[in-house]
Amino acid sequence: QVQLVESGGGLVQAGGSLTLSCAASETISSFVSMAWFRQVPGKQREWVTTIITGGRTDYAASAKGRFTISTDNMKNTLYLQMTSLKPEDTAVYYCYAQQTGDSRFVDYWGQGTQVSVAS
């Protein structure tokens, strides 16, 4: 069973920066894609950004230009660098990873890490 463990959340002032980490229990190369999602209480989980095999990235409009997704394959870790943070970025951020095998996809989620941005 794949384990994803997020860290790096916390409280930051608007305009500040924060970097989230997601440590995977398996090698990053075993995943066809990894992503970050976020969720505010009472709302649906929202996609933030994805990185796929080969390094291609994609961002939600709210994250483009401010957030950067990356991986460190030596450390089996996914990162989310967040800059110019806004109060509306406040949410629980979840790490996601997908594997494929036997003609099916398997999704994995971390437990989440809280990011709070004060105005």
N, C-alpha and C. Protein backbone atom coordinates (compact mmCIF):
# COMPACT_ATOMS: atom_id res chain seq x y z
N GLN A 1 0.85 -1.20 0.00
CA GLN A 1 0.00 0.00 0.00
C GLN A 1 0.88 1.25 0.00
N VAL A 2 0.64 2.12 -0.94
CA VAL A 2 1.42 3.35 -1.04
C VAL A 2 1.01 4.31 0.07
N GLN A 3 2.01 4.92 0.69
CA GLN A 3 1.76 5.94 1.71
C GLN A 3 2.26 7.28 1.18
N LEU A 4 1.44 8.31 1.37
CA LEU A 4 1.80 9.68 1.02
C LEU A 4 1.67 10.51 2.28
N VAL A 5 2.74 11.19 2.66
CA VAL A 5 2.74 11.97 3.89
C VAL A 5 3.11 13.40 3.58
N GLU A 6 2.14 14.31 3.77
CA GLU A 6 2.38 15.73 3.53
C GLU A 6 2.98 16.39 4.76
N SER A 7 3.70 17.47 4.51
CA SER A 7 4.22 18.31 5.58
C SER A 7 4.45 19.70 5.01
N GLY A 8 4.69 20.64 5.91
CA GLY A 8 5.04 21.98 5.48
C GLY A 8 3.94 23.01 5.58
N GLY A 9 2.74 22.57 5.94
CA GLY A 9 1.66 23.53 6.10
C GLY A 9 1.89 24.42 7.31
N GLY A 10 1.08 25.46 7.40
CA GLY A 10 1.19 26.36 8.53
C GLY A 10 0.46 27.66 8.28
N LEU A 11 0.74 28.62 9.13
CA LEU A 11 0.12 29.95 9.04
C LEU A 11 1.12 30.92 8.43
N VAL A 12 0.68 31.67 7.44
CA VAL A 12 1.55 32.64 6.77
C VAL A 12 0.76 33.91 6.47
N GLN A 13 1.44 35.02 6.42
CA GLN A 13 0.79 36.29 6.08
C GLN A 13 0.53 36.36 4.57
N ALA A 14 -0.49 37.09 4.20
CA ALA A 14 -0.76 37.30 2.78
C ALA A 14 0.48 37.88 2.10
N GLY A 15 0.76 37.37 0.92
CA GLY A 15 1.95 37.79 0.20
C GLY A 15 3.16 36.94 0.50
N GLY A 16 3.05 36.08 1.49
CA GLY A 16 4.16 35.22 1.88
C GLY A 16 4.26 33.97 1.04
N SER A 17 5.21 33.12 1.43
CA SER A 17 5.47 31.89 0.67
C SER A 17 5.49 30.69 1.61
N LEU A 18 5.23 29.55 1.03
CA LEU A 18 5.23 28.30 1.79
C LEU A 18 5.54 27.19 0.82
N THR A 19 6.27 26.17 1.27
CA THR A 19 6.54 25.00 0.44
C THR A 19 6.02 23.76 1.14
N LEU A 20 5.14 23.06 0.46
CA LEU A 20 4.60 21.80 0.96
C LEU A 20 5.41 20.65 0.40
N SER A 21 5.55 19.59 1.19
CA SER A 21 6.24 18.38 0.76
C SER A 21 5.30 17.19 0.89
N CYS A 22 5.50 16.22 0.05
CA CYS A 22 4.73 14.98 0.10
C CYS A 22 5.72 13.83 -0.11
N ALA A 23 5.99 13.12 0.97
CA ALA A 23 6.94 12.01 0.91
C ALA A 23 6.18 10.73 0.55
N ALA A 24 6.64 10.08 -0.50
CA ALA A 24 5.99 8.85 -0.96
C ALA A 24 6.78 7.62 -0.48
N SER A 25 6.04 6.56 -0.22
CA SER A 25 6.69 5.34 0.26
C SER A 25 7.25 4.49 -0.87
N GLU A 26 6.96 4.90 -2.12
CA GLU A 26 7.51 4.23 -3.28
C GLU A 26 8.21 5.24 -4.17
N THR A 27 9.01 4.73 -5.06
CA THR A 27 9.73 5.61 -5.95
C THR A 27 8.76 6.42 -6.80
N ILE A 28 9.09 7.69 -6.98
CA ILE A 28 8.25 8.61 -7.74
C ILE A 28 7.97 8.06 -9.14
N SER A 29 8.94 7.39 -9.72
CA SER A 29 8.81 6.89 -11.09
C SER A 29 7.74 5.80 -11.23
N SER A 30 7.23 5.30 -10.09
CA SER A 30 6.18 4.29 -10.15
C SER A 30 4.80 4.91 -10.38
N PHE A 31 4.73 6.23 -10.32
CA PHE A 31 3.46 6.93 -10.49
C PHE A 31 3.35 7.50 -11.89
N VAL A 32 2.18 7.39 -12.50
CA VAL A 32 1.98 8.01 -13.81
C VAL A 32 1.70 9.49 -13.66
N SER A 33 1.18 9.88 -12.51
CA SER A 33 0.97 11.30 -12.25
C SER A 33 0.92 11.53 -10.75
N MET A 34 1.24 12.75 -10.37
CA MET A 34 1.11 13.21 -8.99
C MET A 34 0.50 14.60 -9.04
N ALA A 35 -0.19 14.94 -7.98
CA ALA A 35 -0.91 16.22 -8.01
C ALA A 35 -1.12 16.76 -6.61
N TRP A 36 -1.54 18.00 -6.56
CA TRP A 36 -1.98 18.63 -5.32
C TRP A 36 -3.43 19.08 -5.52
N PHE A 37 -4.20 18.82 -4.49
CA PHE A 37 -5.58 19.30 -4.42
C PHE A 37 -5.72 20.09 -3.13
N ARG A 38 -6.79 20.84 -3.01
CA ARG A 38 -7.06 21.53 -1.76
C ARG A 38 -8.56 21.53 -1.49
N GLN A 39 -8.88 21.67 -0.22
CA GLN A 39 -10.29 21.63 0.15
C GLN A 39 -10.56 22.56 1.32
N VAL A 40 -11.61 23.33 1.16
CA VAL A 40 -12.12 24.21 2.21
C VAL A 40 -13.34 23.53 2.81
N PRO A 41 -13.53 23.60 4.12
CA PRO A 41 -14.70 22.97 4.73
C PRO A 41 -16.00 23.38 4.05
N GLY A 42 -16.82 22.40 3.72
CA GLY A 42 -18.09 22.68 3.10
C GLY A 42 -18.04 22.79 1.59
N LYS A 43 -16.83 22.69 1.03
CA LYS A 43 -16.69 22.78 -0.42
C LYS A 43 -16.05 21.51 -0.97
N GLN A 44 -16.20 21.34 -2.27
CA GLN A 44 -15.59 20.17 -2.93
C GLN A 44 -14.08 20.32 -2.99
N ARG A 45 -13.42 19.18 -3.01
CA ARG A 45 -11.97 19.20 -3.17
C ARG A 45 -11.65 19.77 -4.55
N GLU A 46 -10.67 20.66 -4.59
CA GLU A 46 -10.34 21.41 -5.80
C GLU A 46 -8.95 21.04 -6.29
N TRP A 47 -8.85 20.75 -7.56
CA TRP A 47 -7.55 20.45 -8.17
C TRP A 47 -6.71 21.71 -8.25
N VAL A 48 -5.41 21.59 -7.92
CA VAL A 48 -4.50 22.73 -7.95
C VAL A 48 -3.47 22.59 -9.06
N THR A 49 -2.79 21.44 -9.10
CA THR A 49 -1.73 21.27 -10.08
C THR A 49 -1.36 19.80 -10.21
N THR A 50 -0.84 19.44 -11.38
CA THR A 50 -0.45 18.07 -11.69
C THR A 50 0.92 18.05 -12.35
N ILE A 51 1.66 16.98 -12.06
CA ILE A 51 2.89 16.70 -12.77
C ILE A 51 2.81 15.25 -13.23
N ILE A 52 3.11 15.02 -14.52
CA ILE A 52 3.00 13.66 -15.05
C ILE A 52 4.38 13.14 -15.43
N THR A 53 4.42 11.85 -15.69
CA THR A 53 5.67 11.21 -16.11
C THR A 53 6.26 11.99 -17.28
N GLY A 54 7.53 12.33 -17.18
CA GLY A 54 8.17 13.12 -18.20
C GLY A 54 8.33 14.57 -17.78
N GLY A 55 7.61 14.95 -16.72
CA GLY A 55 7.80 16.27 -16.14
C GLY A 55 6.83 17.34 -16.56
N ARG A 56 5.90 16.97 -17.45
CA ARG A 56 4.93 18.00 -17.87
C ARG A 56 4.05 18.40 -16.69
N THR A 57 3.78 19.68 -16.58
CA THR A 57 2.97 20.20 -15.48
C THR A 57 1.75 20.95 -16.00
N ASP A 58 0.76 21.03 -15.14
CA ASP A 58 -0.43 21.78 -15.48
C ASP A 58 -0.95 22.42 -14.19
N TYR A 59 -1.55 23.61 -14.33
CA TYR A 59 -1.99 24.36 -13.16
C TYR A 59 -3.41 24.87 -13.33
N ALA A 60 -4.11 24.90 -12.21
CA ALA A 60 -5.39 25.60 -12.20
C ALA A 60 -5.13 27.08 -12.38
N ALA A 61 -6.11 27.78 -12.88
CA ALA A 61 -5.95 29.23 -13.12
C ALA A 61 -5.57 29.96 -11.84
N SER A 62 -6.10 29.51 -10.72
CA SER A 62 -5.83 30.16 -9.44
C SER A 62 -4.39 29.98 -8.99
N ALA A 63 -3.72 28.97 -9.51
CA ALA A 63 -2.36 28.66 -9.09
C ALA A 63 -1.30 29.10 -10.09
N LYS A 64 -1.70 29.31 -11.31
CA LYS A 64 -0.74 29.61 -12.37
C LYS A 64 0.01 30.89 -12.07
N GLY A 65 1.33 30.81 -12.20
CA GLY A 65 2.16 31.98 -11.96
C GLY A 65 2.57 32.19 -10.52
N ARG A 66 1.90 31.48 -9.60
CA ARG A 66 2.22 31.64 -8.19
C ARG A 66 2.73 30.34 -7.55
N PHE A 67 2.22 29.22 -8.03
CA PHE A 67 2.58 27.92 -7.46
C PHE A 67 3.45 27.14 -8.44
N THR A 68 4.34 26.32 -7.89
CA THR A 68 5.19 25.47 -8.72
C THR A 68 5.21 24.06 -8.15
N ILE A 69 4.89 23.09 -8.97
CA ILE A 69 4.95 21.68 -8.57
C ILE A 69 6.25 21.09 -9.08
N SER A 70 6.86 20.25 -8.26
CA SER A 70 8.10 19.61 -8.66
C SER A 70 8.30 18.32 -7.89
N THR A 71 9.25 17.53 -8.33
CA THR A 71 9.57 16.28 -7.64
C THR A 71 11.07 16.17 -7.44
N ASP A 72 11.44 15.45 -6.41
CA ASP A 72 12.83 15.07 -6.16
C ASP A 72 12.84 13.55 -6.16
N ASN A 73 13.26 12.97 -7.25
CA ASN A 73 13.19 11.52 -7.39
C ASN A 73 14.13 10.79 -6.42
N MET A 74 15.20 11.44 -6.04
CA MET A 74 16.13 10.82 -5.10
C MET A 74 15.49 10.71 -3.72
N LYS A 75 14.65 11.68 -3.39
CA LYS A 75 14.00 11.70 -2.07
C LYS A 75 12.58 11.15 -2.12
N ASN A 76 12.13 10.74 -3.31
CA ASN A 76 10.75 10.26 -3.47
C ASN A 76 9.75 11.26 -2.90
N THR A 77 9.94 12.51 -3.21
CA THR A 77 9.15 13.58 -2.63
C THR A 77 8.59 14.50 -3.70
N LEU A 78 7.34 14.85 -3.50
CA LEU A 78 6.64 15.84 -4.33
C LEU A 78 6.58 17.14 -3.56
N TYR A 79 6.74 18.25 -4.27
CA TYR A 79 6.73 19.56 -3.62
C TYR A 79 5.67 20.46 -4.26
N LEU A 80 5.23 21.41 -3.47
CA LEU A 80 4.41 22.51 -3.98
C LEU A 80 4.95 23.79 -3.38
N GLN A 81 5.60 24.58 -4.23
CA GLN A 81 6.09 25.89 -3.80
C GLN A 81 4.99 26.90 -4.07
N MET A 82 4.61 27.60 -3.03
CA MET A 82 3.53 28.57 -3.14
C MET A 82 4.07 29.96 -2.79
N THR A 83 3.86 30.90 -3.66
CA THR A 83 4.29 32.28 -3.43
C THR A 83 3.10 33.21 -3.59
N SER A 84 3.30 34.45 -3.17
CA SER A 84 2.23 35.47 -3.26
C SER A 84 0.91 34.92 -2.74
N LEU A 85 0.96 34.29 -1.59
CA LEU A 85 -0.22 33.64 -1.04
C LEU A 85 -1.31 34.64 -0.70
N LYS A 86 -2.55 34.20 -0.89
CA LYS A 86 -3.72 35.03 -0.64
C LYS A 86 -4.60 34.35 0.40
N PRO A 87 -5.41 35.10 1.11
CA PRO A 87 -6.31 34.47 2.08
C PRO A 87 -7.18 33.37 1.46
N GLU A 88 -7.54 33.54 0.20
CA GLU A 88 -8.37 32.52 -0.46
C GLU A 88 -7.61 31.24 -0.77
N ASP A 89 -6.30 31.21 -0.52
CA ASP A 89 -5.54 29.97 -0.65
C ASP A 89 -5.65 29.12 0.61
N THR A 90 -6.27 29.65 1.64
CA THR A 90 -6.45 28.90 2.87
C THR A 90 -7.28 27.65 2.62
N ALA A 91 -6.72 26.49 2.99
CA ALA A 91 -7.38 25.21 2.73
C ALA A 91 -6.53 24.10 3.31
N VAL A 92 -7.07 22.91 3.33
CA VAL A 92 -6.27 21.72 3.57
C VAL A 92 -5.76 21.24 2.22
N TYR A 93 -4.46 21.07 2.11
CA TYR A 93 -3.85 20.66 0.85
C TYR A 93 -3.53 19.17 0.91
N TYR A 94 -3.94 18.48 -0.15
CA TYR A 94 -3.77 17.04 -0.23
C TYR A 94 -2.85 16.66 -1.39
N CYS A 95 -1.99 15.72 -1.11
CA CYS A 95 -1.12 15.13 -2.12
C CYS A 95 -1.86 13.94 -2.74
N TYR A 96 -1.68 13.76 -4.03
CA TYR A 96 -2.36 12.69 -4.78
C TYR A 96 -1.35 12.03 -5.70
N ALA A 97 -1.48 10.72 -5.84
CA ALA A 97 -0.62 9.99 -6.77
C ALA A 97 -1.42 8.88 -7.43
N GLN A 98 -1.09 8.59 -8.66
CA GLN A 98 -1.81 7.57 -9.41
C GLN A 98 -0.83 6.57 -10.01
N GLN A 99 -1.16 5.29 -9.82
CA GLN A 99 -0.40 4.22 -10.45
C GLN A 99 -1.31 3.51 -11.43
N THR A 100 -0.70 2.83 -12.37
CA THR A 100 -1.46 2.03 -13.31
C THR A 100 -0.87 0.63 -13.39
N GLY A 101 -1.77 -0.33 -13.54
CA GLY A 101 -1.34 -1.71 -13.65
C GLY A 101 -2.55 -2.59 -13.83
N ASP A 102 -2.39 -3.69 -14.53
CA ASP A 102 -3.50 -4.62 -14.78
C ASP A 102 -4.69 -3.89 -15.40
N SER A 103 -4.40 -2.94 -16.31
CA SER A 103 -5.44 -2.20 -17.03
C SER A 103 -6.35 -1.39 -16.12
N ARG A 104 -5.86 -0.97 -14.98
CA ARG A 104 -6.65 -0.11 -14.12
C ARG A 104 -5.77 0.92 -13.45
N PHE A 105 -6.40 1.98 -13.00
CA PHE A 105 -5.69 3.04 -12.30
C PHE A 105 -5.99 2.92 -10.81
N VAL A 106 -4.99 3.20 -10.01
CA VAL A 106 -5.15 3.18 -8.56
C VAL A 106 -4.74 4.55 -8.03
N ASP A 107 -5.63 5.13 -7.25
CA ASP A 107 -5.40 6.47 -6.71
C ASP A 107 -5.01 6.41 -5.24
N TYR A 108 -4.09 7.27 -4.86
CA TYR A 108 -3.65 7.36 -3.48
C TYR A 108 -3.72 8.82 -3.02
N TRP A 109 -4.06 9.00 -1.75
CA TRP A 109 -4.17 10.34 -1.17
C TRP A 109 -3.38 10.41 0.13
N GLY A 110 -2.82 11.56 0.38
CA GLY A 110 -2.23 11.83 1.68
C GLY A 110 -3.31 12.26 2.66
N GLN A 111 -2.87 12.52 3.89
CA GLN A 111 -3.83 12.87 4.94
C GLN A 111 -4.16 14.36 4.97
N GLY A 112 -3.39 15.14 4.25
CA GLY A 112 -3.65 16.57 4.17
C GLY A 112 -2.82 17.38 5.13
N THR A 113 -2.54 18.61 4.74
CA THR A 113 -1.83 19.55 5.61
C THR A 113 -2.50 20.91 5.49
N GLN A 114 -2.72 21.55 6.62
CA GLN A 114 -3.46 22.81 6.66
C GLN A 114 -2.57 23.99 6.27
N VAL A 115 -3.06 24.79 5.37
CA VAL A 115 -2.42 26.06 5.02
C VAL A 115 -3.39 27.18 5.35
N SER A 116 -2.95 28.11 6.15
CA SER A 116 -3.79 29.25 6.52
C SER A 116 -3.05 30.52 6.16
N VAL A 117 -3.73 31.39 5.43
CA VAL A 117 -3.14 32.65 4.99
C VAL A 117 -3.91 33.79 5.65
N ALA A 118 -3.22 34.55 6.47
CA ALA A 118 -3.84 35.66 7.18
C ALA A 118 -3.75 36.94 6.35
N SER A 119 -4.84 37.69 6.40
CA SER A 119 -4.87 38.95 5.63
C SER A 119 -4.22 40.08 6.39
